[in-house]
Amino acid sequence: MPYYIYRVTQTGPIRHLNKIAEFDVFKEASNEAKRLRRETDLAPGEAFKTMFAANELEAEDLLNQPPREDLTTGEDY
C-alpha cells in the first residue's frame, strides 16, 4: 500500500484535501513531508498530512474522519 501526502486546509467543519505526492516507501514519504513542513509557510488551519492507505479514496476518507476521543477518562484511569 502506498503513502500519500496531502495538504489539508481546515475551514470550519470542512477539510479541503490537496494531494501532493505518493510514495511506496515510508522513509521517502516521511522525509518529503518533513521537508514540506520546514520549507512551506502554511496559513492558519493548514497542515501537511501523511496517510497510509490502499488508494486515494481510502486516504481521503481517513483524513476526513474526526479525531478519536480520548478513551482514558473515567474512574478506571
PDB file of N, CA and C in Angstrom:
ATOM      1  N   MET A   1       0.844  -1.184   0.000  1.00  0.00           N
ATOM      2  CA  MET A   1       0.000   0.000   0.000  1.00  0.00           C
ATOM      3  C   MET A   1       0.887   1.243   0.000  1.00  0.00           C
ATOM      4  N   PRO A   2       0.479   2.255  -0.739  1.00  0.00           N
ATOM      5  CA  PRO A   2       1.287   3.474  -0.812  1.00  0.00           C
ATOM      6  C   PRO A   2       1.020   4.451   0.333  1.00  0.00           C
ATOM      7  N   TYR A   3       1.918   5.399   0.442  1.00  0.00           N
ATOM      8  CA  TYR A   3       1.812   6.508   1.394  1.00  0.00           C
ATOM      9  C   TYR A   3       1.478   7.762   0.589  1.00  0.00           C
ATOM     10  N   TYR A   4       0.501   8.506   1.052  1.00  0.00           N
ATOM     11  CA  TYR A   4       0.067   9.720   0.374  1.00  0.00           C
ATOM     12  C   TYR A   4       0.370  10.925   1.253  1.00  0.00           C
ATOM     13  N   ILE A   5       0.783  12.014   0.618  1.00  0.00           N
ATOM     14  CA  ILE A   5       0.968  13.277   1.331  1.00  0.00           C
ATOM     15  C   ILE A   5      -0.094  14.242   0.824  1.00  0.00           C
ATOM     16  N   TYR A   6      -0.819  14.826   1.761  1.00  0.00           N
ATOM     17  CA  TYR A   6      -1.882  15.779   1.438  1.00  0.00           C
ATOM     18  C   TYR A   6      -1.627  17.098   2.144  1.00  0.00           C
ATOM     19  N   ARG A   7      -2.020  18.158   1.480  1.00  0.00           N
ATOM     20  CA  ARG A   7      -2.098  19.468   2.131  1.00  0.00           C
ATOM     21  C   ARG A   7      -3.547  19.614   2.574  1.00  0.00           C
ATOM     22  N   VAL A   8      -3.753  19.715   3.868  1.00  0.00           N
ATOM     23  CA  VAL A   8      -5.096  19.766   4.442  1.00  0.00           C
ATOM     24  C   VAL A   8      -5.362  21.188   4.909  1.00  0.00           C
ATOM     25  N   THR A   9      -6.460  21.756   4.415  1.00  0.00           N
ATOM     26  CA  THR A   9      -6.877  23.095   4.813  1.00  0.00           C
ATOM     27  C   THR A   9      -8.218  22.980   5.518  1.00  0.00           C
ATOM     28  N   GLN A  10      -8.247  23.368   6.773  1.00  0.00           N
ATOM     29  CA  GLN A  10      -9.466  23.294   7.587  1.00  0.00           C
ATOM     30  C   GLN A  10     -10.156  24.648   7.548  1.00  0.00           C
ATOM     31  N   THR A  11     -11.368  24.675   7.001  1.00  0.00           N
ATOM     32  CA  THR A  11     -12.178  25.896   7.012  1.00  0.00           C
ATOM     33  C   THR A  11     -13.503  25.547   7.665  1.00  0.00           C
ATOM     34  N   GLY A  12     -13.612  25.882   8.927  1.00  0.00           N
ATOM     35  CA  GLY A  12     -14.792  25.495   9.697  1.00  0.00           C
ATOM     36  C   GLY A  12     -14.818  23.983   9.849  1.00  0.00           C
ATOM     37  N   PRO A  13     -15.963  23.371   9.632  1.00  0.00           N
ATOM     38  CA  PRO A  13     -16.043  21.917   9.792  1.00  0.00           C
ATOM     39  C   PRO A  13     -15.576  21.143   8.550  1.00  0.00           C
ATOM     40  N   ILE A  14     -15.228  21.857   7.479  1.00  0.00           N
ATOM     41  CA  ILE A  14     -14.872  21.201   6.216  1.00  0.00           C
ATOM     42  C   ILE A  14     -13.362  21.193   6.029  1.00  0.00           C
ATOM     43  N   ARG A  15     -12.846  20.034   5.604  1.00  0.00           N
ATOM     44  CA  ARG A  15     -11.423  19.901   5.286  1.00  0.00           C
ATOM     45  C   ARG A  15     -11.264  19.812   3.771  1.00  0.00           C
ATOM     46  N   HIS A  16     -10.420  20.661   3.226  1.00  0.00           N
ATOM     47  CA  HIS A  16     -10.098  20.614   1.803  1.00  0.00           C
ATOM     48  C   HIS A  16      -8.791  19.846   1.670  1.00  0.00           C
ATOM     49  N   LEU A  17      -8.784  18.828   0.816  1.00  0.00           N
ATOM     50  CA  LEU A  17      -7.619  17.963   0.656  1.00  0.00           C
ATOM     51  C   LEU A  17      -7.008  18.164  -0.720  1.00  0.00           C
ATOM     52  N   ASN A  18      -5.691  18.376  -0.749  1.00  0.00           N
ATOM     53  CA  ASN A  18      -4.962  18.533  -1.994  1.00  0.00           C
ATOM     54  C   ASN A  18      -3.808  17.537  -1.987  1.00  0.00           C
ATOM     55  N   LYS A  19      -3.888  16.517  -2.841  1.00  0.00           N
ATOM     56  CA  LYS A  19      -2.834  15.501  -2.881  1.00  0.00           C
ATOM     57  C   LYS A  19      -1.561  16.119  -3.434  1.00  0.00           C
ATOM     58  N   ILE A  20      -0.471  15.940  -2.687  1.00  0.00           N
ATOM     59  CA  ILE A  20       0.822  16.483  -3.075  1.00  0.00           C
ATOM     60  C   ILE A  20       1.689  15.418  -3.732  1.00  0.00           C
ATOM     61  N   ALA A  21       1.753  14.223  -3.113  1.00  0.00           N
ATOM     62  CA  ALA A  21       2.653  13.184  -3.617  1.00  0.00           C
ATOM     63  C   ALA A  21       2.199  11.812  -3.153  1.00  0.00           C
ATOM     64  N   GLU A  22       2.796  10.792  -3.768  1.00  0.00           N
ATOM     65  CA  GLU A  22       2.526   9.392  -3.423  1.00  0.00           C
ATOM     66  C   GLU A  22       3.860   8.648  -3.416  1.00  0.00           C
ATOM     67  N   PHE A  23       4.077   7.837  -2.379  1.00  0.00           N
ATOM     68  CA  PHE A  23       5.327   7.092  -2.235  1.00  0.00           C
ATOM     69  C   PHE A  23       5.037   5.644  -1.870  1.00  0.00           C
ATOM     70  N   ASP A  24       5.932   4.754  -2.277  1.00  0.00           N
ATOM     71  CA  ASP A  24       5.807   3.337  -1.922  1.00  0.00           C
ATOM     72  C   ASP A  24       6.526   3.010  -0.622  1.00  0.00           C
ATOM     73  N   VAL A  25       7.467   3.862  -0.223  1.00  0.00           N
ATOM     74  CA  VAL A  25       8.300   3.606   0.954  1.00  0.00           C
ATOM     75  C   VAL A  25       8.049   4.697   2.001  1.00  0.00           C
ATOM     76  N   PHE A  26       7.844   4.287   3.260  1.00  0.00           N
ATOM     77  CA  PHE A  26       7.538   5.241   4.328  1.00  0.00           C
ATOM     78  C   PHE A  26       8.636   6.277   4.505  1.00  0.00           C
ATOM     79  N   LYS A  27       9.885   5.855   4.499  1.00  0.00           N
ATOM     80  CA  LYS A  27      11.006   6.774   4.753  1.00  0.00           C
ATOM     81  C   LYS A  27      10.985   7.938   3.754  1.00  0.00           C
ATOM     82  N   GLU A  28      10.742   7.633   2.485  1.00  0.00           N
ATOM     83  CA  GLU A  28      10.694   8.686   1.466  1.00  0.00           C
ATOM     84  C   GLU A  28       9.517   9.632   1.715  1.00  0.00           C
ATOM     85  N   ALA A  29       8.362   9.070   2.040  1.00  0.00           N
ATOM     86  CA  ALA A  29       7.182   9.895   2.318  1.00  0.00           C
ATOM     87  C   ALA A  29       7.411  10.767   3.543  1.00  0.00           C
ATOM     88  N   SER A  30       7.990  10.194   4.569  1.00  0.00           N
ATOM     89  CA  SER A  30       8.256  10.929   5.802  1.00  0.00           C
ATOM     90  C   SER A  30       9.234  12.076   5.555  1.00  0.00           C
ATOM     91  N   ASN A  31      10.307  11.798   4.828  1.00  0.00           N
ATOM     92  CA  ASN A  31      11.296  12.836   4.536  1.00  0.00           C
ATOM     93  C   ASN A  31      10.687  13.973   3.718  1.00  0.00           C
ATOM     94  N   GLU A  32       9.854  13.636   2.742  1.00  0.00           N
ATOM     95  CA  GLU A  32       9.220  14.667   1.918  1.00  0.00           C
ATOM     96  C   GLU A  32       8.243  15.502   2.745  1.00  0.00           C
ATOM     97  N   ALA A  33       7.457  14.863   3.595  1.00  0.00           N
ATOM     98  CA  ALA A  33       6.519  15.600   4.447  1.00  0.00           C
ATOM     99  C   ALA A  33       7.273  16.536   5.389  1.00  0.00           C
ATOM    100  N   LYS A  34       8.363  16.066   5.958  1.00  0.00           N
ATOM    101  CA  LYS A  34       9.166  16.916   6.849  1.00  0.00           C
ATOM    102  C   LYS A  34       9.754  18.095   6.088  1.00  0.00           C
ATOM    103  N   ARG A  35      10.231  17.848   4.861  1.00  0.00           N
ATOM    104  CA  ARG A  35      10.792  18.926   4.048  1.00  0.00           C
ATOM    105  C   ARG A  35       9.711  19.963   3.727  1.00  0.00           C
ATOM    106  N   LEU A  36       8.527  19.498   3.347  1.00  0.00           N
ATOM    107  CA  LEU A  36       7.430  20.418   3.039  1.00  0.00           C
ATOM    108  C   LEU A  36       7.045  21.255   4.255  1.00  0.00           C
ATOM    109  N   ARG A  37       6.978  20.637   5.415  1.00  0.00           N
ATOM    110  CA  ARG A  37       6.628  21.372   6.640  1.00  0.00           C
ATOM    111  C   ARG A  37       7.679  22.429   6.967  1.00  0.00           C
ATOM    112  N   ARG A  38       8.946  22.094   6.708  1.00  0.00           N
ATOM    113  CA  ARG A  38      10.047  23.002   7.004  1.00  0.00           C
ATOM    114  C   ARG A  38      10.087  24.184   6.034  1.00  0.00           C
ATOM    115  N   GLU A  39       9.849  23.913   4.748  1.00  0.00           N
ATOM    116  CA  GLU A  39      10.095  24.911   3.711  1.00  0.00           C
ATOM    117  C   GLU A  39       8.856  25.689   3.264  1.00  0.00           C
ATOM    118  N   THR A  40       7.694  25.330   3.754  1.00  0.00           N
ATOM    119  CA  THR A  40       6.460  25.969   3.296  1.00  0.00           C
ATOM    120  C   THR A  40       5.851  26.808   4.412  1.00  0.00           C
ATOM    121  N   ASP A  41       5.474  28.030   4.057  1.00  0.00           N
ATOM    122  CA  ASP A  41       4.736  28.874   5.003  1.00  0.00           C
ATOM    123  C   ASP A  41       3.266  28.490   4.914  1.00  0.00           C
ATOM    124  N   LEU A  42       2.762  27.893   5.968  1.00  0.00           N
ATOM    125  CA  LEU A  42       1.368  27.462   5.993  1.00  0.00           C
ATOM    126  C   LEU A  42       0.502  28.506   6.681  1.00  0.00           C
ATOM    127  N   ALA A  43      -0.666  28.713   6.127  1.00  0.00           N
ATOM    128  CA  ALA A  43      -1.633  29.620   6.742  1.00  0.00           C
ATOM    129  C   ALA A  43      -2.262  28.928   7.944  1.00  0.00           C
ATOM    130  N   PRO A  44      -2.873  29.680   8.839  1.00  0.00           N
ATOM    131  CA  PRO A  44      -3.580  29.042   9.960  1.00  0.00           C
ATOM    132  C   PRO A  44      -4.640  28.072   9.434  1.00  0.00           C
ATOM    133  N   GLY A  45      -4.704  26.906  10.027  1.00  0.00           N
ATOM    134  CA  GLY A  45      -5.660  25.892   9.600  1.00  0.00           C
ATOM    135  C   GLY A  45      -5.151  24.976   8.507  1.00  0.00           C
ATOM    136  N   GLU A  46      -3.889  25.154   8.088  1.00  0.00           N
ATOM    137  CA  GLU A  46      -3.294  24.293   7.059  1.00  0.00           C
ATOM    138  C   GLU A  46      -2.260  23.369   7.677  1.00  0.00           C
ATOM    139  N   ALA A  47      -2.123  22.177   7.080  1.00  0.00           N
ATOM    140  CA  ALA A  47      -1.124  21.214   7.556  1.00  0.00           C
ATOM    141  C   ALA A  47      -0.823  20.227   6.441  1.00  0.00           C
ATOM    142  N   PHE A  48       0.353  19.613   6.517  1.00  0.00           N
ATOM    143  CA  PHE A  48       0.696  18.505   5.637  1.00  0.00           C
ATOM    144  C   PHE A  48       0.486  17.228   6.423  1.00  0.00           C
ATOM    145  N   LYS A  49      -0.229  16.276   5.836  1.00  0.00           N
ATOM    146  CA  LYS A  49      -0.517  15.001   6.494  1.00  0.00           C
ATOM    147  C   LYS A  49      -0.052  13.861   5.605  1.00  0.00           C
ATOM    148  N   THR A  50       0.540  12.844   6.223  1.00  0.00           N
ATOM    149  CA  THR A  50       0.931  11.625   5.527  1.00  0.00           C
ATOM    150  C   THR A  50      -0.056  10.536   5.902  1.00  0.00           C
ATOM    151  N   MET A  51      -0.562   9.819   4.897  1.00  0.00           N
ATOM    152  CA  MET A  51      -1.574   8.796   5.138  1.00  0.00           C
ATOM    153  C   MET A  51      -1.195   7.508   4.414  1.00  0.00           C
ATOM    154  N   PHE A  52      -1.282   6.391   5.130  1.00  0.00           N
ATOM    155  CA  PHE A  52      -1.040   5.056   4.588  1.00  0.00           C
ATOM    156  C   PHE A  52      -2.393   4.454   4.249  1.00  0.00           C
ATOM    157  N   ALA A  53      -2.628   4.159   2.969  1.00  0.00           N
ATOM    158  CA  ALA A  53      -3.942   3.652   2.561  1.00  0.00           C
ATOM    159  C   ALA A  53      -3.819   2.843   1.276  1.00  0.00           C
ATOM    160  N   ALA A  54      -4.840   2.049   1.005  1.00  0.00           N
ATOM    161  CA  ALA A  54      -4.854   1.197  -0.187  1.00  0.00           C
ATOM    162  C   ALA A  54      -4.961   2.022  -1.465  1.00  0.00           C
ATOM    163  N   ASN A  55      -5.675   3.161  -1.394  1.00  0.00           N
ATOM    164  CA  ASN A  55      -5.843   4.015  -2.569  1.00  0.00           C
ATOM    165  C   ASN A  55      -6.176   5.433  -2.115  1.00  0.00           C
ATOM    166  N   GLU A  56      -6.279   6.343  -3.083  1.00  0.00           N
ATOM    167  CA  GLU A  56      -6.545   7.746  -2.749  1.00  0.00           C
ATOM    168  C   GLU A  56      -7.891   7.934  -2.057  1.00  0.00           C
ATOM    169  N   LEU A  57      -8.887   7.190  -2.491  1.00  0.00           N
ATOM    170  CA  LEU A  57     -10.216   7.312  -1.894  1.00  0.00           C
ATOM    171  C   LEU A  57     -10.189   6.957  -0.411  1.00  0.00           C
ATOM    172  N   GLU A  58      -9.502   5.870  -0.064  1.00  0.00           N
ATOM    173  CA  GLU A  58      -9.395   5.479   1.344  1.00  0.00           C
ATOM    174  C   GLU A  58      -8.599   6.512   2.134  1.00  0.00           C
ATOM    175  N   ALA A  59      -7.522   7.028   1.550  1.00  0.00           N
ATOM    176  CA  ALA A  59      -6.711   8.040   2.233  1.00  0.00           C
ATOM    177  C   ALA A  59      -7.543   9.281   2.540  1.00  0.00           C
ATOM    178  N   GLU A  60      -8.324   9.731   1.567  1.00  0.00           N
ATOM    179  CA  GLU A  60      -9.147  10.919   1.777  1.00  0.00           C
ATOM    180  C   GLU A  60     -10.261  10.659   2.783  1.00  0.00           C
ATOM    181  N   ASP A  61     -10.811   9.447   2.762  1.00  0.00           N
ATOM    182  CA  ASP A  61     -11.829   9.090   3.750  1.00  0.00           C
ATOM    183  C   ASP A  61     -11.243   9.124   5.160  1.00  0.00           C
ATOM    184  N   LEU A  62     -10.053   8.561   5.332  1.00  0.00           N
ATOM    185  CA  LEU A  62      -9.409   8.553   6.649  1.00  0.00           C
ATOM    186  C   LEU A  62      -9.078   9.970   7.117  1.00  0.00           C
ATOM    187  N   LEU A  63      -8.632  10.818   6.202  1.00  0.00           N
ATOM    188  CA  LEU A  63      -8.303  12.196   6.570  1.00  0.00           C
ATOM    189  C   LEU A  63      -9.538  13.009   6.954  1.00  0.00           C
ATOM    190  N   ASN A  64     -10.685  12.642   6.424  1.00  0.00           N
ATOM    191  CA  ASN A  64     -11.919  13.372   6.729  1.00  0.00           C
ATOM    192  C   ASN A  64     -12.626  12.876   7.973  1.00  0.00           C
ATOM    193  N   GLN A  65     -12.169  11.777   8.547  1.00  0.00           N
ATOM    194  CA  GLN A  65     -12.796  11.271   9.766  1.00  0.00           C
ATOM    195  C   GLN A  65     -12.408  12.151  10.954  1.00  0.00           C
ATOM    196  N   PRO A  66     -13.330  12.361  11.886  1.00  0.00           N
ATOM    197  CA  PRO A  66     -12.988  13.167  13.067  1.00  0.00           C
ATOM    198  C   PRO A  66     -11.960  12.437  13.928  1.00  0.00           C
ATOM    199  N   PRO A  67     -11.140  13.181  14.669  1.00  0.00           N
ATOM    200  CA  PRO A  67     -10.150  12.533  15.538  1.00  0.00           C
ATOM    201  C   PRO A  67     -10.829  11.686  16.606  1.00  0.00           C
ATOM    202  N   ARG A  68     -10.146  10.645  17.027  1.00  0.00           N
ATOM    203  CA  ARG A  68     -10.681   9.777  18.082  1.00  0.00           C
ATOM    204  C   ARG A  68     -10.734  10.524  19.403  1.00  0.00           C
ATOM    205  N   GLU A  69     -11.747  10.198  20.186  1.00  0.00           N
ATOM    206  CA  GLU A  69     -11.855  10.789  21.518  1.00  0.00           C
ATOM    207  C   GLU A  69     -10.864  10.104  22.448  1.00  0.00           C
ATOM    208  N   ASP A  70     -10.457  10.810  23.490  1.00  0.00           N
ATOM    209  CA  ASP A  70      -9.565  10.233  24.486  1.00  0.00           C
ATOM    210  C   ASP A  70     -10.347   9.218  25.311  1.00  0.00           C
ATOM    211  N   LEU A  71      -9.980   7.959  25.202  1.00  0.00           N
ATOM    212  CA  LEU A  71     -10.701   6.901  25.899  1.00  0.00           C
ATOM    213  C   LEU A  71     -10.155   6.643  27.299  1.00  0.00           C
ATOM    214  N   THR A  72      -9.208   7.451  27.753  1.00  0.00           N
ATOM    215  CA  THR A  72      -8.610   7.232  29.070  1.00  0.00           C
ATOM    216  C   THR A  72      -9.229   8.148  30.121  1.00  0.00           C
ATOM    217  N   THR A  73     -10.521   8.348  30.046  1.00  0.00           N
ATOM    218  CA  THR A  73     -11.200   9.156  31.057  1.00  0.00           C
ATOM    219  C   THR A  73     -12.137   8.265  31.858  1.00  0.00           C
ATOM    220  N   GLY A  74     -12.488   8.700  33.010  1.00  0.00           N
ATOM    221  CA  GLY A  74     -13.395   7.934  33.854  1.00  0.00           C
ATOM    222  C   GLY A  74     -12.708   7.462  35.118  1.00  0.00           C
ATOM    223  N   GLU A  75     -13.421   6.695  35.903  1.00  0.00           N
ATOM    224  CA  GLU A  75     -12.918   6.248  37.196  1.00  0.00           C
ATOM    225  C   GLU A  75     -11.798   5.219  37.092  1.00  0.00           C
ATOM    226  N   ASP A  76     -11.717   4.514  35.977  1.00  0.00           N
ATOM    227  CA  ASP A  76     -10.704   3.470  35.841  1.00  0.00           C
ATOM    228  C   ASP A  76      -9.314   4.025  35.572  1.00  0.00           C
ATOM    229  N   TYR A  77      -9.190   5.325  35.269  1.00  0.00           N
ATOM    230  CA  TYR A  77      -7.888   5.866  34.900  1.00  0.00           C
ATOM    231  C   TYR A  77      -7.425   6.917  35.835  1.00  0.00           C
TER     232      TYR A  77
END
